[in-house]
Each structure stands twice: as structure tokens, then as C-alpha cells.
């Protein structure tokens, strides 16, 4: 079910969209006139004997009435470098083979993004980390296009009906931009927590599963090239926020960092705190920066301006954590 909670903590409304036995909500987005939901199979021990079901994406009115439901056929989620173990018995010697799961254990952390008249729904198998993104028409639910299976990475909205899809792992380290038709129109050899400003420019800290760090703060140009910013030490990073002057702020390696539009770096705070479970970064109109570190909320007063007005100025697209961008 979806439950609306008011600022005082009271329940305002409850919507229970119809679903099949053995499936559960993966991600959802609140629209002006209702909801969009990605459904996925529950883990086997929670299905109660119900059969495995492939995922689907559905749109609902405010009262829970289903407007459309589109099944998603994931196909073979295989990728070079992801292999099953070899088998050696008295009767057979079988070498390692590309791993293709029969039932996809969908990772429920994958976002559901709505921009303009398009929906980007990503489904990743949590065991192998390989997934694909499907682009759907918001009005009728038809599947417009999909990406090929790739190691999962960060996603963002790049503008009206456009999306950034990242891939990291198994030799992949890239970000691609997809247009309204689901066609790839640009690609960069970088992956990270990307920010998009009002002009459509893309920048952010790189995220790579490697120590010592080789990551930098990067600008991704329209020509598919990269502009180098400061080197980033450490590993874990809060999803950054971008102010209207083009300065990005984020927590990494025990420091609160700000990198301006000229790629100059400022350090607002530093500590030897090694905690690594962190949230996205919120930037309030007064220049306050807020984020969570494990079970603690940290607040800093800075000289930063209000949050930028672009398609993706921070993680989840806006301060309400609702990844929607509408066109005029």
C-alpha cells in the first residue's frame, strides 16, 4: 500500500493498488494526478508458494484505479565477466559459463524516474548486479526502448524526457545519455553521482569500486569529452547537491567539500569520522547543508546559494525526494 503522511506524522490517506500474489512494490513516483509504480517479484521465502512473476510498471489514479500496466520481459541479464561456477563430476566437466538467472531477484533500490512524457524503469538482479532500463510512454504505458544489459550504475534525469544511465563494474565505467525515443545520443568514460543544471550541463564526483581512489570531480561535455576537476580521496560519497551558482557540495572521506563552476575546491569541514553509511545531500535556501551519516543528521551553515533549477540538482531530483520533472 501507499500511505500519505502529513508533516505532523498523521496518516492522511491510504491507497492499496491491486497486485498479484507474490509481487511487491519496487519503486514508486507521486504524479500530479496519481502514481507510477514498478512491481517486482517478492523474494522466494515471502511468496507463500506463489509463482515467480516478471516485473511490470503501472500507472494509477489518486484513488488507486489502474490506468495502465505494462509487463517487462527482462530476457537474459548476462554480461561479460559475470560467470557461474564451473562443474566437475565423474560424468561431466563443464567450464564456467555466462551467468543468466532464470528468476531475477530484483534490487528494490533501483529508481523509477518520470521526466516529461517518459518513464525510465530500471531492474537489476541483486545477485549479479546486471540490469537494464526500460523507457515507457507515460500516457499509455507502451515500451519505447530499452538499454542492453549492463552492470548497474547511477541514474538521473538529464532534461525533459531525457535520462542519464550509468554503468560501473565488470570492466564498465561509463555514463550514457538517452533521448525521448530511447536512443543513446552521448556517452562518457566516467560514472558517478551526476548533477544537471538549468542549461543541461552535467558534472559530479566519480564513483568507482576501487581503492586507492582514482576518482575525480568531472564535467561531462556535450562533445562526449571529460573536463578534470579535483582528485577525490576516499571511497564513500553522499549524493551531492548543486546551487544556482554552479557549486556542488558533498561529503567524502570525512570532509564536507564544495567544488565551484571553475572546478575550484573549498573544504567546509573535516574530521577523522570513518562512518560510511550516508544519505544524499540536501541544500536549503538559506545555505544550510544537511545529510545523514549512519543514524545521525548533520547540519552545516555555508555561504552556498539556493538549490539549482536544473533537471537533477541533487539526488532524487528535488528536496521532496520525488523524481519527477514536468515540461511546460
Protein backbone atom coordinates (compact mmCIF):
# COMPACT_ATOMS: atom_id res chain seq x y z
CA UNK A 1 0.00 0.00 0.00
CA UNK A 2 0.94 3.66 -0.34
CA UNK A 3 0.40 5.79 2.75
CA UNK A 4 0.38 9.59 2.79
CA UNK A 5 1.88 11.03 5.97
CA UNK A 6 1.37 14.69 6.89
CA UNK A 7 4.00 16.94 8.50
CA UNK A 8 2.51 16.20 11.91
CA UNK A 9 3.04 12.45 11.44
CA UNK A 10 -0.64 11.58 11.00
CA UNK A 11 -1.88 9.36 8.18
CA UNK A 12 -3.79 11.43 5.63
CA UNK A 13 -4.74 8.77 3.11
CA UNK A 14 -4.03 5.16 2.14
CA UNK A 15 -4.10 3.69 -1.37
CA UNK A 16 -3.97 -0.07 -1.91
CA UNK A 17 -3.30 -0.73 -5.61
CA UNK A 18 -4.31 -4.16 -6.85
CA UNK A 19 -1.44 -6.61 -7.28
CA UNK A 20 -0.90 -10.28 -7.96
CA UNK A 21 0.16 -12.81 -5.34
CA UNK A 22 3.92 -12.93 -4.96
CA UNK A 23 4.72 -9.42 -6.20
CA UNK A 24 5.52 -6.27 -4.26
CA UNK A 25 6.25 -2.59 -4.86
CA UNK A 26 9.79 -1.93 -6.00
CA UNK A 27 9.75 1.86 -6.51
CA UNK A 28 7.06 4.48 -6.92
CA UNK A 29 6.66 8.08 -8.00
CA UNK A 30 3.93 10.54 -6.99
CA UNK A 31 2.43 12.31 -10.02
CA UNK A 32 0.16 15.33 -10.10
CA UNK A 33 -2.84 13.08 -10.73
CA UNK A 34 -1.79 9.79 -9.17
CA UNK A 35 1.13 7.38 -9.01
CA UNK A 36 3.53 5.34 -11.10
CA UNK A 37 4.75 2.06 -9.59
CA UNK A 38 7.29 -0.59 -10.56
CA UNK A 39 6.27 -4.04 -9.33
CA UNK A 40 8.72 -6.90 -8.79
CA UNK A 41 8.60 -10.47 -7.55
CA UNK A 42 8.94 -10.82 -3.80
CA UNK A 43 11.82 -12.96 -2.52
CA UNK A 44 11.02 -16.70 -2.69
CA UNK A 45 10.62 -17.06 1.09
CA UNK A 46 7.98 -14.30 1.08
CA UNK A 47 5.85 -15.53 -1.82
CA UNK A 48 3.90 -18.10 0.15
CA UNK A 49 4.02 -20.59 -2.71
CA UNK A 50 3.02 -18.05 -5.36
CA UNK A 51 4.88 -18.41 -8.68
CA UNK A 52 7.67 -16.12 -9.79
CA UNK A 53 6.45 -13.11 -11.75
CA UNK A 54 8.46 -10.89 -14.02
CA UNK A 55 8.33 -7.19 -13.19
CA UNK A 56 5.87 -4.65 -14.54
CA UNK A 57 5.28 -0.91 -14.48
CA UNK A 58 1.82 0.53 -13.83
CA UNK A 59 0.16 3.93 -13.55
CA UNK A 60 -2.66 4.68 -11.12
CA UNK A 61 -5.15 7.44 -10.42
CA UNK A 62 -5.20 9.04 -6.96
CA UNK A 63 -7.90 6.61 -5.82
CA UNK A 64 -5.81 3.58 -6.81
CA UNK A 65 -7.61 2.86 -10.10
CA UNK A 66 -5.17 1.33 -12.59
CA UNK A 67 -4.79 3.38 -15.79
CA UNK A 68 -2.33 1.01 -17.46
CA UNK A 69 0.01 -1.86 -16.60
CA UNK A 70 2.95 -2.89 -18.78
CA UNK A 71 4.77 -6.22 -18.26
CA UNK A 72 8.56 -6.11 -18.53
CA UNK A 73 10.40 -9.00 -20.16
CA UNK A 74 13.93 -8.90 -18.78
CA UNK A 75 15.33 -11.59 -21.04
CA UNK A 76 18.89 -12.78 -20.49
CA UNK A 77 20.59 -10.49 -17.97
CA UNK A 78 24.10 -11.65 -18.80
CA UNK A 79 27.31 -9.70 -19.26
CA UNK A 80 30.95 -10.45 -19.97
CA UNK A 81 32.78 -11.19 -16.74
CA UNK A 82 29.75 -12.48 -14.83
CA UNK A 83 30.04 -16.27 -14.83
CA UNK A 84 28.62 -19.21 -12.95
CA UNK A 85 30.97 -21.61 -11.21
CA UNK A 86 32.39 -24.50 -13.22
CA UNK A 87 31.10 -28.02 -12.56
CA UNK A 88 33.30 -31.13 -12.30
CA UNK A 89 31.71 -34.53 -11.62
CA UNK A 90 32.57 -38.15 -12.50
CA UNK A 91 30.39 -37.80 -15.63
CA UNK A 92 30.94 -34.25 -16.78
CA UNK A 93 33.43 -31.42 -16.84
CA UNK A 94 31.69 -28.11 -17.61
CA UNK A 95 33.66 -24.84 -17.68
CA UNK A 96 32.38 -21.56 -16.35
CA UNK A 97 29.54 -20.12 -18.42
CA UNK A 98 27.97 -16.66 -18.69
CA UNK A 99 25.57 -16.37 -15.78
CA UNK A 100 21.93 -15.90 -16.79
CA UNK A 101 19.48 -16.12 -13.88
CA UNK A 102 16.21 -17.96 -14.50
CA UNK A 103 14.43 -15.86 -11.90
CA UNK A 104 15.65 -12.30 -11.39
CA UNK A 105 15.92 -11.21 -7.77
CA UNK A 106 15.14 -7.55 -8.48
CA UNK A 107 17.03 -4.99 -6.44
CA UNK A 108 14.42 -2.66 -4.91
CA UNK A 109 16.89 0.22 -4.64
CA UNK A 110 16.64 0.95 -8.35
CA UNK A 111 14.90 4.27 -9.09
CA UNK A 112 11.77 4.92 -11.09
CA UNK A 113 12.17 8.21 -12.98
CA UNK A 114 9.49 10.27 -14.73
CA UNK A 115 10.52 13.15 -16.98
CA UNK A 116 8.20 14.86 -19.45
CA UNK A 117 6.12 12.15 -21.11
CA UNK A 118 8.59 9.33 -20.45
CA UNK A 119 9.21 6.85 -17.64
CA UNK A 120 12.61 5.23 -17.06
CA UNK A 121 12.22 1.99 -15.10
CA UNK A 122 15.39 0.11 -14.13
CA UNK A 123 15.52 -3.51 -13.00
CA UNK A 124 18.73 -5.07 -11.70
CA UNK A 125 19.38 -8.59 -10.50
CA UNK A 126 20.79 -8.17 -6.99
CA UNK A 127 22.91 -11.33 -7.21
CA UNK A 128 24.89 -10.48 -10.34
CA UNK A 129 24.42 -6.71 -10.42
CA UNK A 130 23.37 -6.76 -14.09
CA UNK A 131 20.27 -4.91 -15.20
CA UNK A 132 18.52 -2.90 -17.89
CA UNK A 133 16.47 0.28 -18.11
CA UNK A 134 13.15 0.39 -19.97
CA UNK A 135 11.73 3.63 -21.35
CA UNK A 136 7.93 3.81 -21.36
CA UNK A 137 5.32 6.28 -22.59
CA UNK A 138 3.72 7.90 -19.55
CA UNK A 139 0.33 8.38 -21.20
CA UNK A 140 -0.28 4.82 -22.41
CA UNK A 141 2.45 2.65 -20.89
CA UNK A 142 3.94 1.43 -24.15
CA UNK A 143 7.60 0.44 -24.07
CA UNK A 144 9.53 2.85 -26.29
CA UNK A 145 13.00 1.31 -25.97
CA UNK A 146 15.38 -0.36 -23.53
CA UNK A 147 19.09 -0.47 -22.82
CA UNK A 148 21.21 -3.58 -23.24
CA UNK A 149 22.06 -5.48 -20.03
CA UNK A 150 24.89 -3.73 -18.19
CA UNK A 151 26.40 -3.62 -14.69
CA UNK A 152 24.22 -1.31 -12.62
CA UNK A 153 25.21 2.30 -12.02
CA UNK A 154 23.71 5.65 -11.04
CA UNK A 155 20.74 7.12 -12.92
CA UNK A 156 19.47 10.68 -13.28
CA UNK A 157 17.19 12.86 -15.35
CA UNK A 158 19.05 14.88 -17.97
CA UNK A 159 16.13 17.09 -19.04
CA UNK A 160 12.57 16.79 -20.36
CA UNK A 161 12.11 13.14 -21.43
CA UNK A 162 15.88 12.54 -21.28
CA UNK A 163 17.90 10.39 -18.88
CA UNK A 164 21.46 9.60 -17.79
CA UNK A 165 22.18 5.88 -17.27
CA UNK A 166 25.46 4.92 -15.61
CA UNK A 167 27.29 1.59 -15.59
CA UNK A 168 30.09 0.52 -13.26
CA UNK A 169 31.76 -2.84 -12.66
CA UNK A 170 33.00 -5.88 -14.65
CA UNK A 171 35.15 -3.56 -16.76
CA UNK A 172 32.40 -0.97 -17.36
CA UNK A 173 32.82 2.65 -16.24
CA UNK A 174 30.57 4.87 -18.30
CA UNK A 175 27.55 7.16 -18.45
CA UNK A 176 25.17 7.45 -21.42
CA UNK A 177 22.50 9.97 -22.28
CA UNK A 178 19.21 8.78 -23.80
CA UNK A 179 16.70 10.96 -25.61
CA UNK A 180 12.89 10.84 -25.78
CA UNK A 181 12.99 7.97 -28.29
CA UNK A 182 15.23 5.91 -26.04
CA UNK A 183 18.20 6.39 -28.37
CA UNK A 184 21.69 6.82 -26.93
CA UNK A 185 22.86 10.28 -28.01
CA UNK A 186 26.06 10.64 -25.96
CA UNK A 187 28.44 8.54 -23.88
CA UNK A 188 31.30 9.38 -21.50
CA UNK A 189 34.04 7.22 -19.97
CA UNK A 190 33.03 8.22 -16.47
CA UNK A 191 30.49 7.13 -13.88
CA UNK A 192 29.34 8.88 -10.75
CA UNK A 193 26.72 10.86 -8.88
CA UNK A 194 25.83 13.25 -11.66
CA UNK A 195 24.21 16.69 -11.36
CA UNK A 196 22.40 18.54 -14.17
CA UNK A 197 21.99 22.33 -14.08
CA UNK A 198 19.44 24.59 -15.78
CA UNK A 199 21.45 24.68 -19.02
CA UNK A 200 21.74 20.88 -19.17
CA UNK A 201 25.42 20.77 -18.19
CA UNK A 202 26.44 17.57 -16.37
CA UNK A 203 29.00 17.29 -13.57
CA UNK A 204 29.67 15.37 -10.37
CA UNK A 205 32.02 13.19 -8.33
CA UNK A 206 33.08 9.93 -9.90
CA UNK A 207 32.20 6.68 -8.11
CA UNK A 208 34.38 3.65 -8.73
CA UNK A 209 34.72 0.39 -6.77
CA UNK A 210 38.45 0.78 -6.30
CA UNK A 211 40.97 1.72 -3.62
CA UNK A 212 43.16 3.68 -3.65
CA UNK A 213 40.82 6.11 -5.32
CA UNK A 214 41.31 7.18 -8.94
CA UNK A 215 38.14 9.24 -8.94
CA UNK A 216 37.87 12.93 -9.73
CA UNK A 217 35.17 15.52 -9.86
CA UNK A 218 34.32 15.64 -13.58
CA UNK A 219 32.42 17.77 -16.06
CA UNK A 220 30.80 15.80 -18.90
CA UNK A 221 30.73 17.95 -22.04
CA UNK A 222 28.25 17.83 -24.92
CA UNK A 223 31.07 16.55 -27.15
CA UNK A 224 31.45 13.37 -25.08
CA UNK A 225 34.70 14.51 -23.51
CA UNK A 226 35.64 14.97 -19.85
CA UNK A 227 36.99 18.00 -18.02
CA UNK A 228 39.11 17.08 -14.99
CA UNK A 229 38.30 18.56 -11.61
CA UNK A 230 39.97 17.90 -8.23
CA UNK A 231 41.18 14.43 -7.30
CA UNK A 232 38.89 12.78 -4.72
CA UNK A 233 40.38 10.73 -1.89
CA UNK A 234 38.48 8.05 -0.02
CA UNK A 235 35.62 5.93 -1.33
CA UNK A 236 32.11 6.63 0.02
CA UNK A 237 30.30 9.78 -1.13
CA UNK A 238 27.00 11.40 -0.28
CA UNK A 239 24.95 12.25 -3.37
CA UNK A 240 25.85 15.93 -3.99
CA UNK A 241 23.65 18.99 -4.35
CA UNK A 242 24.18 21.86 -6.78
CA UNK A 243 23.49 25.53 -6.05
CA UNK A 244 22.42 28.16 -8.58
CA UNK A 245 25.97 29.47 -8.99
CA UNK A 246 27.13 26.02 -10.11
CA UNK A 247 28.81 24.90 -6.88
CA UNK A 248 28.42 21.24 -5.88
CA UNK A 249 28.56 20.24 -2.23
CA UNK A 250 29.01 16.71 -0.84
CA UNK A 251 30.59 14.65 1.95
CA UNK A 252 33.53 12.38 1.13
CA UNK A 253 36.41 10.92 3.13
CA UNK A 254 35.41 12.73 6.33
CA UNK A 255 35.16 16.15 4.64
CA UNK A 256 32.39 18.45 3.52
CA UNK A 257 33.59 19.64 0.11
CA UNK A 258 32.33 22.30 -2.29
CA UNK A 259 33.52 22.46 -5.91
CA UNK A 260 32.56 25.58 -7.83
CA UNK A 261 31.83 26.14 -11.52
CA UNK A 262 35.54 26.83 -12.19
CA UNK A 263 36.40 23.50 -10.51
CA UNK A 264 37.98 25.18 -7.51
CA UNK A 265 37.62 23.23 -4.27
CA UNK A 266 36.71 24.51 -0.81
CA UNK A 267 36.66 22.47 2.38
CA UNK A 268 33.93 23.48 4.81
CA UNK A 269 34.60 20.86 7.48
CA UNK A 270 36.95 17.94 8.15
CA UNK A 271 37.05 15.16 10.71
CA UNK A 272 38.52 11.69 11.12
CA UNK A 273 34.99 10.20 11.19
CA UNK A 274 35.13 6.98 9.15
CA UNK A 275 31.41 6.16 9.05
CA UNK A 276 30.37 5.20 5.54
CA UNK A 277 26.58 4.84 5.51
CA UNK A 278 25.35 8.19 4.24
CA UNK A 279 22.39 9.80 2.55
CA UNK A 280 22.03 12.23 -0.31
CA UNK A 281 22.88 15.87 0.42
CA UNK A 282 20.15 18.47 0.85
CA UNK A 283 20.80 22.13 0.18
CA UNK A 284 18.31 24.53 1.75
CA UNK A 285 17.56 28.07 0.55
CA UNK A 286 19.44 29.60 3.49
CA UNK A 287 22.70 27.85 2.55
CA UNK A 288 22.25 25.09 5.12
CA UNK A 289 23.59 21.70 4.07
CA UNK A 290 22.01 18.59 5.59
CA UNK A 291 22.78 14.89 5.25
CA UNK A 292 22.68 11.73 7.35
CA UNK A 293 25.74 9.80 8.46
CA UNK A 294 24.69 6.42 9.81
CA UNK A 295 21.94 7.27 12.34
CA UNK A 296 22.96 10.90 12.83
CA UNK A 297 21.69 14.01 10.99
CA UNK A 298 24.38 16.63 10.30
CA UNK A 299 23.60 20.28 9.56
CA UNK A 300 26.15 22.86 8.34
CA UNK A 301 25.72 26.56 7.66
CA UNK A 302 27.52 27.57 4.46
CA UNK A 303 27.69 30.50 2.05
CA UNK A 304 26.09 28.47 -0.74
CA UNK A 305 23.06 29.75 -2.62
CA UNK A 306 19.68 28.06 -3.15
CA UNK A 307 19.36 24.72 -4.94
CA UNK A 308 19.85 24.92 -8.71
CA UNK A 309 16.82 24.82 -11.00
CA UNK A 310 18.02 22.10 -13.40
CA UNK A 311 16.58 18.68 -14.14
CA UNK A 312 18.69 16.94 -11.47
CA UNK A 313 20.26 19.37 -8.96
CA UNK A 314 20.54 16.69 -6.24
CA UNK A 315 19.81 13.03 -5.58
CA UNK A 316 16.14 12.18 -6.33
CA UNK A 317 15.80 15.40 -8.29
CA UNK A 318 14.39 17.71 -5.62
CA UNK A 319 14.11 18.23 -1.88
CA UNK A 320 10.90 16.19 -1.72
CA UNK A 321 12.63 13.04 -2.90
CA UNK A 322 10.18 12.67 -5.78
CA UNK A 323 11.97 12.13 -9.12
CA UNK A 324 9.58 13.97 -11.47
CA UNK A 325 10.21 16.75 -13.95
CA UNK A 326 7.35 18.10 -16.00
CA UNK A 327 7.56 20.16 -19.19
CA UNK A 328 5.55 23.35 -19.71
